[in-house]
């Protein structure tokens, strides 16, 4: 059945445009309930954007929660098939306290998850789909990309002490080069180890320009495989016309207990904060007892409410 777009508001048009994009790309729509057992979230609080969770007691006495996250529910409810690739897409309401807000809100997010036999090609295609999702949201966007295993390697060079590495990671996230140098001195690390991390922070820009600088920094540090993987993943944008919008930025970090490999965030001019977030989360899969690999992203549609009237029109969608 054809829908009359004239009766839809901009957010509804965008949801339909994103869904159409994902279905055309071979994803299967995944639907889920509003509730999960609270235990699922309390075991993975560090993975959640907000630790605040709305709970209630079910009729059988089980403590339940209105879901604050989609990824955890998908992992829990799908079969673990590491030799098969499951490509799932969704648009679901979640319930959490957004940054800067003082109360719970019902928030719509859309996204994709690839679970199972995920390889570099699949990660690259997911990254390309993230950029195409941003392009549907607005014309002026940027997708920042990093490789957590490269960052992890340089952190290991700095110190064997986990506490020092965690403090250094916070400095990286805050783009605090002075803090990295101070940590290196207090930990007795060779100055060049701290300088390598500081230099990594300075590698920002279109990937074609930034990759040679990254390769020079990592030369001789045993990170050849990680560099090759990153270059291969980013090659999906060669000749795409989006090259200048895809940027390396190693200050974009997430919890390394859950994430590994490629990490990415999407930004739109005029909105403070990321409107899209994603990456590889094999370590979350292991934590939940799964053998499969995984990569995915979410588009935070509530963030797009801040875009206002900037001339970025939501395009017409194609029926899948």
Protein backbone atom coordinates (compact mmCIF):
# COMPACT_ATOMS: atom_id res chain seq x y z
CA UNK A 1 0.00 0.00 0.00
CA UNK A 2 1.32 3.42 -0.96
CA UNK A 3 1.55 6.01 1.80
CA UNK A 4 0.68 9.66 1.26
CA UNK A 5 3.79 11.50 2.45
CA UNK A 6 1.76 14.71 2.83
CA UNK A 7 0.17 13.33 6.01
CA UNK A 8 3.52 12.34 7.59
CA UNK A 9 5.70 14.62 9.69
CA UNK A 10 9.45 14.88 9.05
CA UNK A 11 10.43 12.28 11.66
CA UNK A 12 7.99 9.74 10.21
CA UNK A 13 9.31 10.37 6.70
CA UNK A 14 12.86 9.88 7.94
CA UNK A 15 12.01 6.61 9.69
CA UNK A 16 10.47 5.31 6.48
CA UNK A 17 13.43 6.50 4.41
CA UNK A 18 15.90 4.75 6.73
CA UNK A 19 13.84 1.55 6.82
CA UNK A 20 13.63 1.52 3.03
CA UNK A 21 17.42 1.98 2.78
CA UNK A 22 18.07 -0.93 5.14
CA UNK A 23 15.59 -3.29 3.50
CA UNK A 24 17.04 -2.54 0.06
CA UNK A 25 20.47 -3.38 1.49
CA UNK A 26 19.37 -6.90 2.42
CA UNK A 27 18.42 -6.40 6.07
CA UNK A 28 15.40 -8.05 7.66
CA UNK A 29 13.18 -6.03 9.95
CA UNK A 30 13.36 -7.09 13.58
CA UNK A 31 10.56 -6.35 16.03
CA UNK A 32 10.76 -6.72 19.78
CA UNK A 33 8.67 -6.18 22.88
CA UNK A 34 8.90 -3.20 25.19
CA UNK A 35 10.07 -5.19 28.20
CA UNK A 36 13.09 -7.28 29.19
CA UNK A 37 14.16 -8.78 32.48
CA UNK A 38 16.03 -6.16 34.47
CA UNK A 39 18.90 -8.60 35.02
CA UNK A 40 19.94 -8.25 31.35
CA UNK A 41 20.65 -4.55 31.81
CA UNK A 42 22.09 -4.57 35.31
CA UNK A 43 24.77 -7.03 34.11
CA UNK A 44 25.72 -4.68 31.26
CA UNK A 45 25.19 -1.22 32.74
CA UNK A 46 28.55 0.00 31.44
CA UNK A 47 27.35 -0.68 27.88
CA UNK A 48 24.28 1.53 28.23
CA UNK A 49 24.18 5.20 27.28
CA UNK A 50 22.30 5.93 30.50
CA UNK A 51 22.40 3.81 33.66
CA UNK A 52 18.91 4.97 34.64
CA UNK A 53 16.41 2.18 33.98
CA UNK A 54 12.63 2.16 34.45
CA UNK A 55 11.62 -1.01 36.29
CA UNK A 56 8.43 -2.73 37.45
CA UNK A 57 7.54 -6.04 39.06
CA UNK A 58 5.69 -8.50 36.84
CA UNK A 59 2.75 -10.57 38.09
CA UNK A 60 5.07 -13.53 38.80
CA UNK A 61 7.44 -11.38 40.86
CA UNK A 62 10.10 -10.99 38.14
CA UNK A 63 11.73 -7.57 38.05
CA UNK A 64 11.25 -6.22 34.53
CA UNK A 65 12.49 -3.13 32.70
CA UNK A 66 11.26 -0.91 29.91
CA UNK A 67 14.09 -1.43 27.46
CA UNK A 68 16.74 1.32 27.45
CA UNK A 69 18.70 -0.35 24.63
CA UNK A 70 18.03 -2.40 21.49
CA UNK A 71 21.35 -4.18 20.91
CA UNK A 72 21.30 -6.13 24.17
CA UNK A 73 17.77 -7.38 23.45
CA UNK A 74 18.72 -8.53 19.96
CA UNK A 75 21.75 -10.45 21.21
CA UNK A 76 19.70 -12.08 23.96
CA UNK A 77 16.83 -13.14 21.72
CA UNK A 78 18.66 -14.30 18.56
CA UNK A 79 20.26 -17.70 18.10
CA UNK A 80 24.04 -17.76 18.25
CA UNK A 81 25.06 -18.85 14.72
CA UNK A 82 28.72 -17.85 14.21
CA UNK A 83 28.89 -19.41 10.72
CA UNK A 84 25.85 -17.53 9.43
CA UNK A 85 25.39 -13.79 8.87
CA UNK A 86 22.21 -12.32 10.31
CA UNK A 87 21.41 -8.81 9.00
CA UNK A 88 18.74 -7.15 11.10
CA UNK A 89 17.27 -3.64 11.04
CA UNK A 90 14.88 -1.96 13.43
CA UNK A 91 13.11 1.18 14.48
CA UNK A 92 12.16 0.93 18.13
CA UNK A 93 11.29 3.10 21.09
CA UNK A 94 13.67 3.00 24.04
CA UNK A 95 13.21 4.51 27.48
CA UNK A 96 16.03 6.41 29.15
CA UNK A 97 17.21 9.77 30.44
CA UNK A 98 18.93 11.65 27.57
CA UNK A 99 22.09 13.63 28.25
CA UNK A 100 21.21 17.01 29.70
CA UNK A 101 17.67 15.94 30.59
CA UNK A 102 16.34 15.39 34.07
CA UNK A 103 13.60 12.88 33.31
CA UNK A 104 12.92 9.71 31.37
CA UNK A 105 11.79 10.03 27.77
CA UNK A 106 10.44 7.64 25.18
CA UNK A 107 12.95 7.91 22.33
CA UNK A 108 12.85 6.50 18.83
CA UNK A 109 15.98 5.06 17.31
CA UNK A 110 16.64 3.22 14.07
CA UNK A 111 19.59 1.06 13.19
CA UNK A 112 21.11 -2.17 11.98
CA UNK A 113 22.93 -5.12 13.51
CA UNK A 114 25.05 -7.68 11.68
CA UNK A 115 25.63 -10.77 13.82
CA UNK A 116 27.48 -14.00 13.05
CA UNK A 117 30.19 -14.38 10.40
CA UNK A 118 31.15 -10.71 10.33
CA UNK A 119 34.33 -9.95 8.34
CA UNK A 120 36.08 -6.80 7.14
CA UNK A 121 33.87 -6.57 4.07
CA UNK A 122 30.75 -6.66 6.23
CA UNK A 123 32.18 -3.98 8.54
CA UNK A 124 32.96 -1.79 5.51
CA UNK A 125 29.45 -2.20 4.12
CA UNK A 126 27.99 -1.32 7.53
CA UNK A 127 30.17 1.79 7.66
CA UNK A 128 28.98 2.80 4.18
CA UNK A 129 25.37 2.27 5.27
CA UNK A 130 25.97 4.52 8.28
CA UNK A 131 27.19 7.30 5.97
CA UNK A 132 24.17 6.83 3.71
CA UNK A 133 21.93 7.05 6.78
CA UNK A 134 23.50 10.38 7.73
CA UNK A 135 23.04 11.64 4.18
CA UNK A 136 19.31 10.93 4.51
CA UNK A 137 19.21 12.99 7.70
CA UNK A 138 21.07 16.06 6.40
CA UNK A 139 23.37 17.15 3.61
CA UNK A 140 26.14 18.49 5.89
CA UNK A 141 27.41 15.53 7.90
CA UNK A 142 30.63 13.86 8.99
CA UNK A 143 31.35 10.24 9.94
CA UNK A 144 34.36 9.85 12.24
CA UNK A 145 36.14 6.49 12.32
CA UNK A 146 38.77 4.95 14.58
CA UNK A 147 40.28 1.52 15.22
CA UNK A 148 40.23 0.66 18.90
CA UNK A 149 42.88 -2.04 18.54
CA UNK A 150 45.38 0.54 17.26
CA UNK A 151 44.61 2.73 20.25
CA UNK A 152 44.83 -0.30 22.54
CA UNK A 153 48.28 -1.12 21.16
CA UNK A 154 49.61 2.37 21.90
CA UNK A 155 48.10 2.27 25.39
CA UNK A 156 49.90 -1.02 26.06
CA UNK A 157 53.15 0.61 24.94
CA UNK A 158 52.59 3.38 27.46
CA UNK A 159 52.12 1.15 30.51
CA UNK A 160 51.39 -2.37 31.72
CA UNK A 161 49.35 -0.87 34.56
CA UNK A 162 45.63 -1.09 33.80
CA UNK A 163 44.87 1.94 35.98
CA UNK A 164 47.33 4.06 33.99
CA UNK A 165 45.90 2.85 30.70
CA UNK A 166 42.34 3.66 31.78
CA UNK A 167 43.41 7.15 32.87
CA UNK A 168 45.21 7.63 29.55
CA UNK A 169 42.08 6.52 27.70
CA UNK A 170 40.08 9.22 29.48
CA UNK A 171 42.70 11.75 28.40
CA UNK A 172 42.42 10.54 24.81
CA UNK A 173 38.63 10.92 24.94
CA UNK A 174 39.05 14.46 26.28
CA UNK A 175 41.81 15.31 23.78
CA UNK A 176 44.05 16.06 26.77
CA UNK A 177 47.62 15.75 25.47
CA UNK A 178 49.03 17.42 28.60
CA UNK A 179 47.35 14.79 30.78
CA UNK A 180 48.83 11.98 28.68
CA UNK A 181 52.33 13.39 29.08
CA UNK A 182 51.86 13.80 32.85
CA UNK A 183 50.60 10.22 33.14
CA UNK A 184 53.58 8.96 31.16
CA UNK A 185 56.01 10.80 33.43
CA UNK A 186 54.35 9.59 36.64
CA UNK A 187 54.30 6.01 35.31
CA UNK A 188 57.99 6.16 34.36
CA UNK A 189 57.23 5.56 30.67
CA UNK A 190 59.68 6.56 27.96
CA UNK A 191 58.67 10.04 26.67
CA UNK A 192 58.20 8.81 23.11
CA UNK A 193 55.48 6.39 24.31
CA UNK A 194 53.35 9.27 25.57
CA UNK A 195 54.20 11.36 22.50
CA UNK A 196 52.89 8.57 20.25
CA UNK A 197 49.48 8.81 21.93
CA UNK A 198 49.56 12.61 21.67
CA UNK A 199 50.39 12.35 17.99
CA UNK A 200 47.51 9.93 17.51
CA UNK A 201 45.18 12.62 18.89
CA UNK A 202 46.47 15.01 16.23
CA UNK A 203 45.59 12.67 13.37
CA UNK A 204 42.24 14.00 12.28
CA UNK A 205 40.82 14.63 8.85
CA UNK A 206 39.65 13.03 5.63
CA UNK A 207 40.83 9.43 5.68
CA UNK A 208 42.84 9.63 2.46
CA UNK A 209 45.01 12.38 4.00
CA UNK A 210 45.08 10.99 7.55
CA UNK A 211 45.92 7.35 6.79
CA UNK A 212 49.54 8.01 5.64
CA UNK A 213 50.18 9.93 8.89
CA UNK A 214 48.73 7.04 10.89
CA UNK A 215 50.90 4.54 9.04
CA UNK A 216 54.05 6.54 9.82
CA UNK A 217 53.09 6.73 13.50
CA UNK A 218 52.42 2.99 13.79
CA UNK A 219 55.46 1.82 11.79
CA UNK A 220 57.47 -0.73 13.75
CA UNK A 221 54.89 -1.07 16.53
CA UNK A 222 53.41 -4.41 15.46
CA UNK A 223 50.17 -2.87 14.22
CA UNK A 224 50.46 -3.77 10.54
CA UNK A 225 47.41 -6.06 10.55
CA UNK A 226 45.24 -3.43 12.24
CA UNK A 227 46.33 -0.75 9.75
CA UNK A 228 45.63 -3.05 6.82
CA UNK A 229 42.19 -3.86 8.20
CA UNK A 230 41.35 -0.17 8.68
CA UNK A 231 42.49 0.70 5.17
CA UNK A 232 40.44 -2.14 3.72
CA UNK A 233 37.30 -1.12 5.58
CA UNK A 234 37.63 2.51 4.50
CA UNK A 235 38.19 1.53 0.87
CA UNK A 236 34.39 1.19 0.47
CA UNK A 237 34.33 4.99 0.19
CA UNK A 238 36.91 5.25 -2.59
CA UNK A 239 35.17 6.96 -5.52
CA UNK A 240 31.93 7.35 -3.56
CA UNK A 241 31.89 11.15 -3.49
CA UNK A 242 31.79 11.01 0.32
CA UNK A 243 35.56 10.82 0.86
CA UNK A 244 35.84 14.25 2.51
CA UNK A 245 33.04 13.42 4.95
CA UNK A 246 34.71 10.26 6.28
CA UNK A 247 37.32 11.27 8.84
CA UNK A 248 39.73 9.55 11.18
CA UNK A 249 39.34 10.63 14.80
CA UNK A 250 40.89 8.51 17.56
CA UNK A 251 39.40 10.64 20.33
CA UNK A 252 36.07 8.91 19.66
CA UNK A 253 36.32 6.03 22.12
CA UNK A 254 33.94 3.69 23.92
CA UNK A 255 34.18 1.09 26.65
CA UNK A 256 36.95 -1.30 25.61
CA UNK A 257 35.42 -4.07 27.70
CA UNK A 258 32.65 -4.26 25.09
CA UNK A 259 34.00 -2.81 21.83
CA UNK A 260 36.88 -3.76 19.57
CA UNK A 261 38.03 -2.99 16.06
CA UNK A 262 36.25 -0.27 14.10
CA UNK A 263 34.33 2.39 16.02
CA UNK A 264 32.42 5.26 14.38
CA UNK A 265 30.18 8.22 15.15
CA UNK A 266 28.05 10.45 12.97
CA UNK A 267 27.62 14.21 13.29
CA UNK A 268 25.42 16.80 11.61
CA UNK A 269 26.20 20.51 11.50
CA UNK A 270 24.00 22.39 13.94
CA UNK A 271 23.58 19.52 16.41
CA UNK A 272 25.86 19.33 19.47
CA UNK A 273 26.74 15.67 19.89
CA UNK A 274 26.62 12.55 17.77
CA UNK A 275 23.39 11.54 16.06
CA UNK A 276 24.72 8.12 15.07
CA UNK A 277 26.97 5.71 16.93
CA UNK A 278 28.25 2.26 16.07
CA UNK A 279 31.09 -0.20 15.89
CA UNK A 280 32.23 -3.75 16.36
CA UNK A 281 31.26 -5.32 19.66
CA UNK A 282 32.66 -8.86 19.61
CA UNK A 283 33.67 -8.50 23.26
CA UNK A 284 30.08 -7.81 24.30
CA UNK A 285 29.11 -11.00 22.47
CA UNK A 286 31.72 -12.97 24.45
CA UNK A 287 30.52 -11.41 27.69
CA UNK A 288 27.01 -12.64 26.88
CA UNK A 289 28.28 -16.14 26.07
CA UNK A 290 28.05 -15.86 22.27
CA UNK A 291 30.62 -17.05 19.72
CA UNK A 292 29.36 -14.80 16.92
CA UNK A 293 31.01 -11.56 15.86
CA UNK A 294 28.96 -8.38 15.52
CA UNK A 295 28.85 -4.85 14.15
CA UNK A 296 26.03 -2.33 14.09
CA UNK A 297 24.91 1.24 14.61
CA UNK A 298 21.97 3.28 15.83
CA UNK A 299 20.57 6.60 14.61
CA UNK A 300 19.28 8.69 17.52
CA UNK A 301 16.20 10.33 16.08
CA UNK A 302 15.60 12.45 19.19
CA UNK A 303 18.90 14.26 18.50
CA UNK A 304 17.59 15.24 15.08
CA UNK A 305 14.78 17.20 16.72
CA UNK A 306 17.44 19.84 17.45
CA UNK A 307 18.16 20.35 13.77
CA UNK A 308 15.26 22.74 13.37
CA UNK A 309 14.64 24.61 10.18
CA UNK A 310 18.11 24.52 8.62
CA UNK A 311 17.08 23.77 5.09
CA UNK A 312 17.92 20.07 5.39
CA UNK A 313 14.84 18.42 3.96
CA UNK A 314 14.07 14.77 4.52
CA UNK A 315 14.10 13.16 1.07
CA UNK A 316 11.27 11.17 -0.35
CA UNK A 317 11.58 7.47 0.38
CA UNK A 318 11.37 4.57 -1.99
CA UNK A 319 8.99 1.78 -1.11
CA UNK A 320 10.86 -1.50 -0.50
